[in-house]
Protein backbone atom coordinates (compact mmCIF):
# COMPACT_ATOMS: atom_id res chain seq x y z
CA UNK A 1 21.95 -1.22 -6.17
CA UNK A 2 19.27 -1.32 -9.01
CA UNK A 3 15.75 0.21 -8.18
CA UNK A 4 13.16 -2.33 -10.02
CA UNK A 5 9.56 -0.65 -9.93
CA UNK A 6 7.67 -4.18 -9.24
CA UNK A 7 4.05 -5.38 -8.85
CA UNK A 8 4.68 -9.03 -8.20
CA UNK A 9 1.47 -9.97 -6.17
CA UNK A 10 -0.80 -7.06 -6.53
CA UNK A 11 -3.72 -7.47 -7.47
CA UNK A 12 -5.14 -5.27 -10.17
CA UNK A 13 -8.33 -4.42 -11.70
CA UNK A 14 -8.76 -2.14 -15.28
CA UNK A 15 -11.93 -0.61 -16.49
CA UNK A 16 -11.70 0.68 -20.38
CA UNK A 17 -8.80 -2.41 -19.69
CA UNK A 18 -9.28 -3.79 -23.14
CA UNK A 19 -8.37 -1.42 -26.22
CA UNK A 20 -6.89 1.27 -26.11
CA UNK A 21 -4.49 2.95 -23.21
CA UNK A 22 -6.80 0.60 -20.89
CA UNK A 23 -5.12 -2.37 -23.24
CA UNK A 24 -1.41 -1.02 -22.49
CA UNK A 25 -2.14 -0.59 -19.10
CA UNK A 26 -2.80 -4.11 -18.05
CA UNK A 27 -0.33 -5.06 -20.23
CA UNK A 28 2.02 -2.91 -18.26
CA UNK A 29 0.47 -3.99 -15.14
CA UNK A 30 1.41 -7.77 -16.02
CA UNK A 31 4.64 -6.69 -17.16
CA UNK A 32 5.57 -5.18 -13.56
CA UNK A 33 4.23 -8.59 -12.38
CA UNK A 34 0.15 -7.88 -11.03
CA UNK A 35 -2.41 -9.98 -11.77
CA UNK A 36 -4.70 -8.54 -13.50
CA UNK A 37 -8.92 -8.31 -14.09
CA UNK A 38 -9.67 -6.43 -17.45
CA UNK A 39 -12.91 -5.49 -17.29
CA UNK A 40 -14.56 -3.78 -20.73
CA UNK A 41 -17.83 -3.15 -22.10
CA UNK A 42 -16.88 -5.27 -24.54
CA UNK A 43 -16.50 -8.70 -22.94
CA UNK A 44 -15.13 -10.40 -26.13
CA UNK A 45 -12.06 -7.87 -26.36
CA UNK A 46 -11.76 -7.76 -22.23
CA UNK A 47 -10.83 -11.78 -23.09
CA UNK A 48 -9.16 -11.51 -25.35
CA UNK A 49 -6.14 -8.77 -23.59
CA UNK A 50 -6.34 -11.45 -20.57
CA UNK A 51 -5.80 -14.37 -22.50
CA UNK A 52 -2.26 -11.92 -24.01
CA UNK A 53 -1.89 -10.87 -21.10
CA UNK A 54 -1.33 -15.03 -19.63
CA UNK A 55 0.26 -15.82 -22.06
CA UNK A 56 2.99 -13.08 -22.27
CA UNK A 57 3.66 -13.02 -18.57
CA UNK A 58 2.01 -15.73 -16.78
CA UNK A 59 0.22 -13.42 -14.12
CA UNK A 60 -2.98 -14.71 -13.04
CA UNK A 61 -5.61 -12.73 -15.21
CA UNK A 62 -9.45 -12.44 -15.54
CA UNK A 63 -12.25 -10.55 -17.61
CA UNK A 64 -15.41 -9.61 -17.23
CA UNK A 65 -17.96 -6.93 -19.11
CA UNK A 66 -18.24 -4.20 -16.68
CA UNK A 67 -20.65 -0.99 -17.91
CA UNK A 68 -19.31 1.31 -15.90
CA UNK A 69 -22.51 3.51 -15.59
CA UNK A 70 -24.48 0.45 -14.20
CA UNK A 71 -24.16 -0.24 -10.09
CA UNK A 72 -24.86 -3.57 -10.54
CA UNK A 73 -22.39 -4.58 -13.11
CA UNK A 74 -19.74 -2.64 -11.30
CA UNK A 75 -20.60 -4.89 -8.04
CA UNK A 76 -20.11 -8.12 -10.36
CA UNK A 77 -16.77 -6.42 -11.52
CA UNK A 78 -15.98 -6.22 -7.73
CA UNK A 79 -16.86 -9.75 -6.25
CA UNK A 80 -15.58 -11.15 -9.72
CA UNK A 81 -11.77 -9.49 -8.93
CA UNK A 82 -12.61 -10.88 -5.46
CA UNK A 83 -13.16 -14.63 -6.43
CA UNK A 84 -10.56 -14.14 -8.81
CA UNK A 85 -7.71 -13.24 -6.75
CA UNK A 86 -8.95 -12.66 -2.97
CA UNK A 87 -8.33 -8.94 -2.90
CA UNK A 88 -7.96 -5.52 -4.75
CA UNK A 89 -4.62 -3.71 -4.27
CA UNK A 90 -4.79 -1.50 -7.22
CA UNK A 91 -7.41 0.24 -9.66
CA UNK A 92 -6.56 1.90 -12.47
CA UNK A 93 -9.94 3.45 -13.79
CA UNK A 94 -9.55 4.48 -16.92
CA UNK A 95 -12.90 3.54 -18.19
CA UNK A 96 -14.13 6.79 -20.39
CA UNK A 97 -15.61 8.39 -23.46
CA UNK A 98 -15.66 11.78 -25.18
CA UNK A 99 -16.78 13.67 -28.07
CA UNK A 100 -16.87 16.67 -30.19
CA UNK A 101 -20.28 18.44 -30.63
CA UNK A 102 -20.94 22.64 -31.01
CA UNK A 103 -21.64 24.30 -27.26
CA UNK A 104 -25.18 25.51 -28.73
CA UNK A 105 -25.94 22.53 -30.88
CA UNK A 106 -25.03 19.54 -28.08
CA UNK A 107 -28.34 17.73 -27.33
CA UNK A 108 -29.03 17.40 -23.79
CA UNK A 109 -28.54 13.38 -23.97
CA UNK A 110 -24.67 14.08 -25.23
CA UNK A 111 -24.40 16.37 -22.09
CA UNK A 112 -25.62 13.71 -19.96
CA UNK A 113 -23.67 10.43 -21.43
CA UNK A 114 -20.04 12.64 -20.75
CA UNK A 115 -21.31 12.41 -17.36
CA UNK A 116 -22.23 9.21 -16.75
CA UNK A 117 -19.36 7.53 -18.54
CA UNK A 118 -16.71 9.65 -16.87
CA UNK A 119 -17.87 11.41 -13.75
CA UNK A 120 -21.21 8.97 -12.28
CA UNK A 121 -18.59 5.90 -13.89
CA UNK A 122 -15.17 7.25 -11.65
CA UNK A 123 -18.17 7.24 -8.31
CA UNK A 124 -19.21 4.51 -8.96
CA UNK A 125 -16.68 2.29 -9.50
CA UNK A 126 -14.42 4.02 -7.10
CA UNK A 127 -16.84 3.65 -4.15
CA UNK A 128 -17.19 -0.11 -4.83
CA UNK A 129 -12.86 -0.94 -5.22
CA UNK A 130 -13.02 1.70 -1.91
CA UNK A 131 -15.50 -0.13 0.02
CA UNK A 132 -13.14 -3.88 -0.22
CA UNK A 133 -9.84 -2.12 -0.01
CA UNK A 134 -10.57 -0.12 3.13
CA UNK A 135 -10.80 -3.13 5.21
CA UNK A 136 -7.69 -4.31 3.72
CA UNK A 137 -5.81 -0.51 5.37
CA UNK A 138 -3.97 -0.59 1.94
CA UNK A 139 -4.66 0.10 -2.12
CA UNK A 140 -3.99 2.56 -4.96
CA UNK A 141 -6.72 4.15 -7.02
CA UNK A 142 -5.87 6.21 -10.36
CA UNK A 143 -8.67 7.40 -12.27
CA UNK A 144 -8.44 8.84 -15.74
CA UNK A 145 -8.90 12.42 -16.07
CA UNK A 146 -7.83 14.60 -18.94
CA UNK A 147 -5.66 17.84 -19.84
CA UNK A 148 -9.60 18.69 -19.97
CA UNK A 149 -10.38 18.42 -16.29
CA UNK A 150 -7.65 21.31 -15.56
CA UNK A 151 -8.31 23.73 -18.53
CA UNK A 152 -11.29 24.69 -20.43
CA UNK A 153 -12.29 23.63 -23.99
CA UNK A 154 -15.22 25.30 -26.22
CA UNK A 155 -15.11 22.40 -28.68
CA UNK A 156 -15.59 19.58 -25.94
CA UNK A 157 -17.49 21.77 -23.03
CA UNK A 158 -19.55 18.63 -21.62
CA UNK A 159 -16.26 15.98 -22.12
CA UNK A 160 -14.54 19.24 -19.88
CA UNK A 161 -17.21 19.10 -17.22
CA UNK A 162 -16.90 15.78 -16.93
CA UNK A 163 -13.01 15.72 -16.65
CA UNK A 164 -13.56 18.53 -13.92
CA UNK A 165 -15.66 16.32 -11.99
CA UNK A 166 -12.95 13.61 -12.34
CA UNK A 167 -10.26 15.78 -10.88
CA UNK A 168 -11.83 17.12 -8.36
CA UNK A 169 -13.76 14.08 -7.22
CA UNK A 170 -10.47 12.05 -7.04
CA UNK A 171 -9.51 15.01 -4.75
CA UNK A 172 -12.45 14.21 -2.20
CA UNK A 173 -12.08 10.76 -2.14
CA UNK A 174 -7.95 10.67 -1.56
CA UNK A 175 -9.08 12.90 1.36
CA UNK A 176 -11.74 10.64 2.39
CA UNK A 177 -9.74 7.52 1.47
CA UNK A 178 -6.46 8.81 2.85
CA UNK A 179 -6.86 7.23 6.96
CA UNK A 180 -7.05 4.04 5.16
CA UNK A 181 -3.29 4.40 4.16
CA UNK A 182 -5.21 4.65 0.02
CA UNK A 183 -3.63 6.62 -2.53
CA UNK A 184 -6.60 7.99 -5.15
CA UNK A 185 -4.16 10.24 -7.85
CA UNK A 186 -5.39 10.81 -11.53
CA UNK A 187 -3.99 11.36 -14.82
CA UNK A 188 -4.39 13.86 -17.21
CA UNK A 189 -3.65 12.87 -20.91
CA UNK A 190 -3.13 15.60 -23.49
CA UNK A 191 -3.38 14.29 -26.85
CA UNK A 192 -3.25 10.67 -27.45
CA UNK A 193 -4.14 9.24 -30.73
CA UNK A 194 -6.84 6.81 -29.72
CA UNK A 195 -10.57 5.75 -30.78
CA UNK A 196 -11.82 8.65 -29.01
CA UNK A 197 -9.86 11.04 -31.47
CA UNK A 198 -10.69 8.68 -33.99
CA UNK A 199 -14.01 9.47 -33.58
CA UNK A 200 -13.35 13.28 -32.89
CA UNK A 201 -11.50 13.44 -36.04
CA UNK A 202 -14.68 12.09 -37.86
CA UNK A 203 -17.15 14.46 -36.46
CA UNK A 204 -14.65 17.38 -37.78
CA UNK A 205 -14.98 15.22 -41.29
CA UNK A 206 -18.98 15.36 -40.78
CA UNK A 207 -18.69 18.83 -40.15
CA UNK A 208 -17.36 19.43 -43.40
CA UNK A 209 -13.66 20.30 -41.39
CA UNK A 210 -10.47 19.05 -42.08
CA UNK A 211 -9.43 16.57 -39.34
CA UNK A 212 -5.58 16.36 -40.74
CA UNK A 213 -5.31 20.04 -40.14
CA UNK A 214 -7.34 19.83 -37.14
CA UNK A 215 -4.79 17.29 -35.40
CA UNK A 216 -1.33 19.68 -37.00
CA UNK A 217 -3.29 22.69 -35.37
CA UNK A 218 -3.41 20.32 -31.91
CA UNK A 219 0.22 18.79 -32.01
CA UNK A 220 1.66 22.50 -33.21
CA UNK A 221 0.34 23.45 -30.03
CA UNK A 222 2.79 21.47 -27.55
CA UNK A 223 5.84 22.18 -26.41
CA UNK A 224 7.46 19.51 -27.24
CA UNK A 225 5.94 18.94 -30.39
CA UNK A 226 4.70 15.52 -30.73
CA UNK A 227 1.62 13.46 -29.10
CA UNK A 228 1.46 11.76 -25.90
CA UNK A 229 1.46 8.13 -26.76
CA UNK A 230 -0.48 5.12 -24.95
CA UNK A 231 2.67 3.77 -23.28
CA UNK A 232 3.38 7.46 -21.86
CA UNK A 233 0.04 7.40 -20.37
CA UNK A 234 0.41 3.78 -19.19
CA UNK A 235 3.85 4.48 -17.70
CA UNK A 236 2.09 6.90 -15.51
CA UNK A 237 -0.91 5.19 -14.71
CA UNK A 238 1.88 2.05 -13.60
CA UNK A 239 4.15 4.55 -11.40
CA UNK A 240 1.19 6.15 -9.27
CA UNK A 241 -0.11 2.47 -8.57
CA UNK A 242 3.62 1.26 -7.47
CA UNK A 243 5.29 2.04 -4.07
CA UNK A 244 7.44 4.48 -5.47
CA UNK A 245 4.11 6.97 -5.72
CA UNK A 246 3.53 5.73 -1.78
CA UNK A 247 3.56 10.03 -0.20
CA UNK A 248 1.38 10.93 -3.31
CA UNK A 249 -2.34 11.36 -3.01
CA UNK A 250 -4.90 13.73 -4.87
CA UNK A 251 -2.91 14.62 -7.40
CA UNK A 252 -3.73 14.73 -11.29
CA UNK A 253 -0.69 14.24 -13.21
CA UNK A 254 -0.16 16.06 -16.31
CA UNK A 255 1.25 14.01 -19.55
CA UNK A 256 0.83 16.43 -21.83
CA UNK A 257 4.59 16.97 -23.42
CA UNK A 258 3.83 20.58 -21.40
CA UNK A 259 0.74 21.99 -22.87
CA UNK A 260 -0.99 21.72 -19.76
CA UNK A 261 1.29 23.36 -16.61
CA UNK A 262 -0.57 23.61 -13.83
């Protein structure tokens, strides 16, 4: 008897789904059989990802522009998903932002931006999707946290604050949603070379540092001695979105190569 992880006939929404880990996750969900709404700030890239999904996997797909910090856009995303698919079974909330600014030099605007995208965005998207999941008495919500949502790092204090908020919010929403048979978890990636890391390394260079040395120093601390890949993270989103994770809720799952162990 084989073991198959299938999302056939499930309807998924992926925020930040047009690029990086979001795109990789969108494609993997579709490969497992899910219909996918690709939501992203970049409407053109979202449409491209949706078209690629349809061409490769033949599932239903749709796309929309969504700024997760704007309630009206989040509500419109949910409405568009219901129009396209009829219901939402899975939310992979991957939209996020990061930066590297010295704590004493950090302007208030950077702190507010981190909290808006990562914390407020998680609040708005989870709230809007949960409203339409509750009547179905079923659903899987997976948020994007970070290893910085488990341990503070002095190089990205505002980001750390926002990701601790995501981890704690995930726990609280999980308890709220449990009576409705809805699982709410989050993924805590380690070091993944995405566009966010490109920006961080650019910031290091602009500050007069050596981005290659900074990157290699960070990798050297990983017990498995390699950075995490987009596929590593997408596989955990897939698992937590599947029936295999039916008895998991309120968890922050580390995918860090052993860098974070709690």
